[in-house]
Amino acid sequence: MTWRDALEIGLVVIASLGGGGAIVLGLSNWLGRVWADSLAERQRLASERELANQRGRIDQALARFDAALEHRNLLLQRLADIELQGLRECWQRARECYVHVNGLRPVDSGTDEDLFRARWVGLADSHNALLSKVGEFEPFLEDPITDLLQKIRYIVALEMNQSQRERFTSRWWDQGTENQQKCERLVEELRLAVRARVAQFRKIAEGEDV
C-alpha cells in the first residue's frame, strides 16, 4: 500500500463520518501543531543549553589563557629587570677596574712601594667586585657581554699577577701600558654592547619589533 492509497482510504473514512470527520480532522491538525510546537520548543531549549555550555567552556579557556599570558608577561618582565640590573652593575664594576688598571702604574708615577701597594689593593678589590657581579648575573646576560666581562677580568688579573712578580722595571712599565690599552679597548666594546642591549629593551617597551 502506498501513501496515496492510505490517503484515499483516510478521506473515504472521514467522508463516511460526515461532520464528525471534520471535527476529527480539525482536532488532528491542532494536535499536530501542538506537538510540532512542543518539539520545536524542546529543540530550542536544548540548543540554548548547549550554546550556554559552549560559552562557559570558551570563557574558562579564555580565563586560563589570560592567566597563563599574565604569568608569562610577569616572568619576562622579571627576567628583563634582572638583566638590566646585571648590565648596570657589571658595567659599573668593569669601569672601576679600568680606572684601577690605569692607576696602578701610570707613567712617571715613581717607585714608592707603599703607594703602589695601596693602588694594588684597590685593583684587587675592583677585580673581586667584578668577579662577584659576573658570577651573580652571568646566567641572565647575553653571551657576547659575558665574554667581554670575562676578558676584562682576565686583563685585571694579569695586571695584578705581573705586579706581584716584579715591579719598577722597564718590562713592567711596558706591560702596564699594554694592559691599559687592552682594557680600554674591551671596556669601550662593553659600553657599546650594553648600550645596544638597552636600546633593544627600549624598543620592546615602546612596542616596536626587535
Protein backbone atom coordinates (compact mmCIF):
# COMPACT_ATOMS: atom_id res chain seq x y z
CA MET A 1 0.00 0.00 0.00
CA THR A 2 1.35 3.39 -0.97
CA TRP A 3 0.86 6.66 0.86
CA ARG A 4 -1.59 7.72 -1.86
CA ASP A 5 -3.71 4.64 -1.14
CA ALA A 6 -3.59 5.40 2.60
CA LEU A 7 -4.65 8.99 1.96
CA GLU A 8 -7.58 7.91 -0.21
CA ILE A 9 -8.74 5.43 2.44
CA GLY A 10 -8.45 8.11 5.12
CA LEU A 11 -10.54 10.53 3.07
CA VAL A 12 -13.20 7.86 2.49
CA VAL A 13 -13.35 7.19 6.24
CA ILE A 14 -13.62 10.89 7.06
CA ALA A 15 -16.33 11.36 4.39
CA SER A 16 -18.30 8.50 5.84
CA LEU A 17 -18.18 10.16 9.25
CA GLY A 18 -19.66 13.37 7.93
CA GLY A 19 -19.46 16.35 10.28
CA GLY A 20 -17.77 14.23 12.92
CA GLY A 21 -14.99 13.56 10.47
CA ALA A 22 -14.39 17.25 10.06
CA ILE A 23 -14.11 17.60 13.81
CA VAL A 24 -11.67 14.73 13.98
CA LEU A 25 -9.64 16.21 11.15
CA GLY A 26 -9.52 19.61 12.84
CA LEU A 27 -8.55 18.07 16.13
CA SER A 28 -5.81 16.11 14.43
CA ASN A 29 -4.44 19.26 12.84
CA TRP A 30 -4.49 21.08 16.19
CA LEU A 31 -2.74 18.23 17.98
CA GLY A 32 -0.17 18.10 15.21
CA ARG A 33 0.59 21.79 15.61
CA VAL A 34 0.80 21.45 19.40
CA TRP A 35 3.16 18.51 19.06
CA ALA A 36 5.30 20.34 16.48
CA ASP A 37 5.46 23.48 18.64
CA SER A 38 6.40 21.43 21.69
CA LEU A 39 9.12 19.63 19.75
CA ALA A 40 10.46 22.94 18.41
CA GLU A 41 10.49 24.41 21.93
CA ARG A 42 12.41 21.42 23.31
CA GLN A 43 14.93 21.71 20.50
CA ARG A 44 15.30 25.44 21.13
CA LEU A 45 15.88 24.92 24.85
CA ALA A 46 18.38 22.14 24.16
CA SER A 47 20.22 24.36 21.68
CA GLU A 48 20.33 27.22 24.18
CA ARG A 49 21.69 24.92 26.89
CA GLU A 50 24.36 23.57 24.55
CA LEU A 51 25.27 27.11 23.46
CA ALA A 52 25.49 28.20 27.10
CA ASN A 53 27.73 25.23 27.88
CA GLN A 54 29.97 26.05 24.93
CA ARG A 55 30.18 29.68 26.04
CA GLY A 56 31.10 28.54 29.53
CA ARG A 57 33.85 26.29 28.21
CA ILE A 58 35.15 29.08 25.98
CA ASP A 59 35.09 31.56 28.87
CA GLN A 60 37.00 29.11 31.06
CA ALA A 61 39.57 28.51 28.31
CA LEU A 62 39.99 32.27 27.80
CA ALA A 63 40.39 32.79 31.53
CA ARG A 64 43.12 30.13 31.67
CA PHE A 65 44.80 31.67 28.63
CA ASP A 66 44.69 35.15 30.17
CA ALA A 67 46.17 33.82 33.41
CA ALA A 68 48.94 31.99 31.54
CA LEU A 69 49.66 35.09 29.43
CA GLU A 70 49.78 37.30 32.52
CA HIS A 71 52.13 34.84 34.22
CA ARG A 72 54.34 34.76 31.11
CA ASN A 73 54.46 38.54 30.91
CA LEU A 74 55.30 38.83 34.60
CA LEU A 75 58.07 36.27 34.19
CA LEU A 76 59.51 38.04 31.15
CA GLN A 77 59.34 41.38 32.95
CA ARG A 78 61.15 39.93 35.95
CA LEU A 79 63.87 38.43 33.74
CA ALA A 80 64.24 41.75 31.91
CA ASP A 81 64.57 43.60 35.23
CA ILE A 82 67.29 41.19 36.38
CA GLU A 83 69.19 41.52 33.12
CA LEU A 84 69.03 45.31 33.19
CA GLN A 85 70.24 45.30 36.78
CA GLY A 86 73.08 42.98 35.78
CA LEU A 87 74.06 45.20 32.85
CA ARG A 88 74.16 48.27 35.07
CA GLU A 89 76.09 46.71 37.95
CA CYS A 90 78.55 44.74 35.81
CA TRP A 91 79.24 47.85 33.72
CA GLN A 92 79.97 49.84 36.88
CA ARG A 93 82.37 47.17 38.16
CA ALA A 94 84.12 46.91 34.78
CA ARG A 95 84.52 50.69 34.64
CA GLU A 96 86.04 50.70 38.12
CA CYS A 97 88.51 48.00 37.03
CA TYR A 98 89.55 50.15 34.08
CA VAL A 99 90.21 53.11 36.39
CA HIS A 100 92.34 50.99 38.72
CA VAL A 101 94.28 49.39 35.86
CA ASN A 102 95.21 52.86 34.66
CA GLY A 103 96.04 53.94 38.19
CA LEU A 104 98.30 51.03 39.20
CA ARG A 105 101.38 52.01 37.24
CA PRO A 106 100.82 55.27 35.38
CA VAL A 107 103.75 56.79 33.52
CA ASP A 108 106.21 58.64 35.78
CA SER A 109 104.34 57.52 38.92
CA GLY A 110 107.58 56.85 40.77
CA THR A 111 108.66 53.81 42.73
CA ASP A 112 107.01 54.40 46.09
CA GLU A 113 106.26 50.89 47.39
CA ASP A 114 103.61 51.96 49.88
CA LEU A 115 101.75 53.98 47.26
CA PHE A 116 101.95 51.08 44.82
CA ARG A 117 100.65 48.64 47.43
CA ALA A 118 97.62 50.85 48.13
CA ARG A 119 96.90 51.04 44.41
CA TRP A 120 97.29 47.27 44.04
CA VAL A 121 94.79 46.65 46.85
CA GLY A 122 92.30 48.93 45.09
CA LEU A 123 92.82 46.98 41.87
CA ALA A 124 92.32 43.67 43.67
CA ASP A 125 89.12 44.92 45.28
CA SER A 126 87.72 46.06 41.93
CA HIS A 127 88.66 42.70 40.38
CA ASN A 128 86.86 40.79 43.13
CA ALA A 129 83.80 43.02 42.84
CA LEU A 130 83.64 42.40 39.09
CA LEU A 131 84.12 38.67 39.58
CA SER A 132 81.27 38.61 42.09
CA LYS A 133 78.85 40.51 39.86
CA VAL A 134 79.64 38.45 36.79
CA GLY A 135 79.03 35.28 38.80
CA GLU A 136 75.72 36.66 40.04
CA PHE A 137 74.30 37.85 36.72
CA GLU A 138 76.04 35.67 34.11
CA PRO A 139 73.00 33.36 33.62
CA PHE A 140 70.87 36.39 32.70
CA LEU A 141 73.30 38.20 30.37
CA GLU A 142 73.88 37.63 26.69
CA ASP A 143 76.99 35.64 25.79
CA PRO A 144 78.85 38.47 23.96
CA ILE A 145 78.53 40.72 27.02
CA THR A 146 79.61 37.94 29.37
CA ASP A 147 82.62 37.21 27.16
CA LEU A 148 83.70 40.86 27.28
CA LEU A 149 83.36 40.93 31.06
CA GLN A 150 85.49 37.81 31.38
CA LYS A 151 88.16 39.29 29.10
CA ILE A 152 88.25 42.46 31.19
CA ARG A 153 88.55 40.40 34.35
CA TYR A 154 91.43 38.46 32.79
CA ILE A 155 93.32 41.66 31.98
CA VAL A 156 92.83 42.86 35.55
CA ALA A 157 94.06 39.54 36.96
CA LEU A 158 97.06 39.67 34.60
CA GLU A 159 97.91 43.17 35.79
CA MET A 160 97.77 42.00 39.39
CA ASN A 161 99.94 38.92 38.78
CA GLN A 162 102.57 40.78 36.77
CA SER A 163 102.85 43.36 39.52
CA GLN A 164 103.32 40.63 42.10
CA ARG A 165 106.26 39.08 40.26
CA GLU A 166 108.24 42.23 39.53
CA ARG A 167 107.91 45.97 39.80
CA PHE A 168 109.52 49.18 38.57
CA THR A 169 111.46 47.57 35.71
CA SER A 170 111.40 48.58 32.07
CA ARG A 171 109.43 45.49 31.09
CA TRP A 172 107.00 46.08 33.94
CA TRP A 173 106.22 49.58 32.68
CA ASP A 174 105.74 48.26 29.12
CA GLN A 175 103.43 45.53 30.33
CA GLY A 176 101.36 48.12 32.19
CA THR A 177 100.94 50.22 29.06
CA GLU A 178 99.85 47.17 27.05
CA ASN A 179 97.33 46.12 29.70
CA GLN A 180 95.90 49.62 29.89
CA GLN A 181 95.38 49.73 26.14
CA LYS A 182 93.72 46.30 26.05
CA CYS A 183 91.49 47.16 28.98
CA GLU A 184 90.46 50.45 27.39
CA ARG A 185 89.51 48.70 24.14
CA LEU A 186 87.49 46.00 25.92
CA VAL A 187 85.67 48.48 28.14
CA GLU A 188 84.70 50.51 25.08
CA GLU A 189 83.38 47.38 23.38
CA LEU A 190 81.43 46.57 26.52
CA ARG A 191 79.97 50.08 26.63
CA LEU A 192 78.71 49.76 23.05
CA ALA A 193 77.29 46.28 23.69
CA VAL A 194 75.46 47.43 26.81
CA ARG A 195 74.02 50.45 25.01
CA ALA A 196 72.82 48.25 22.15
CA ARG A 197 71.12 45.86 24.54
CA VAL A 198 69.46 48.69 26.45
CA ALA A 199 68.23 50.11 23.13
CA GLN A 200 66.58 46.74 22.43
CA PHE A 201 64.75 46.89 25.75
CA ARG A 202 63.65 50.43 24.95
CA LYS A 203 62.18 49.32 21.62
CA ILE A 204 60.33 46.45 23.29
CA ALA A 205 58.90 48.87 25.87
CA GLU A 206 57.71 51.12 23.06
CA GLY A 207 56.06 48.19 21.26
CA GLU A 208 58.49 48.02 18.35
CA ASP A 209 59.77 44.81 16.77
CA VAL A 210 63.35 43.90 17.69
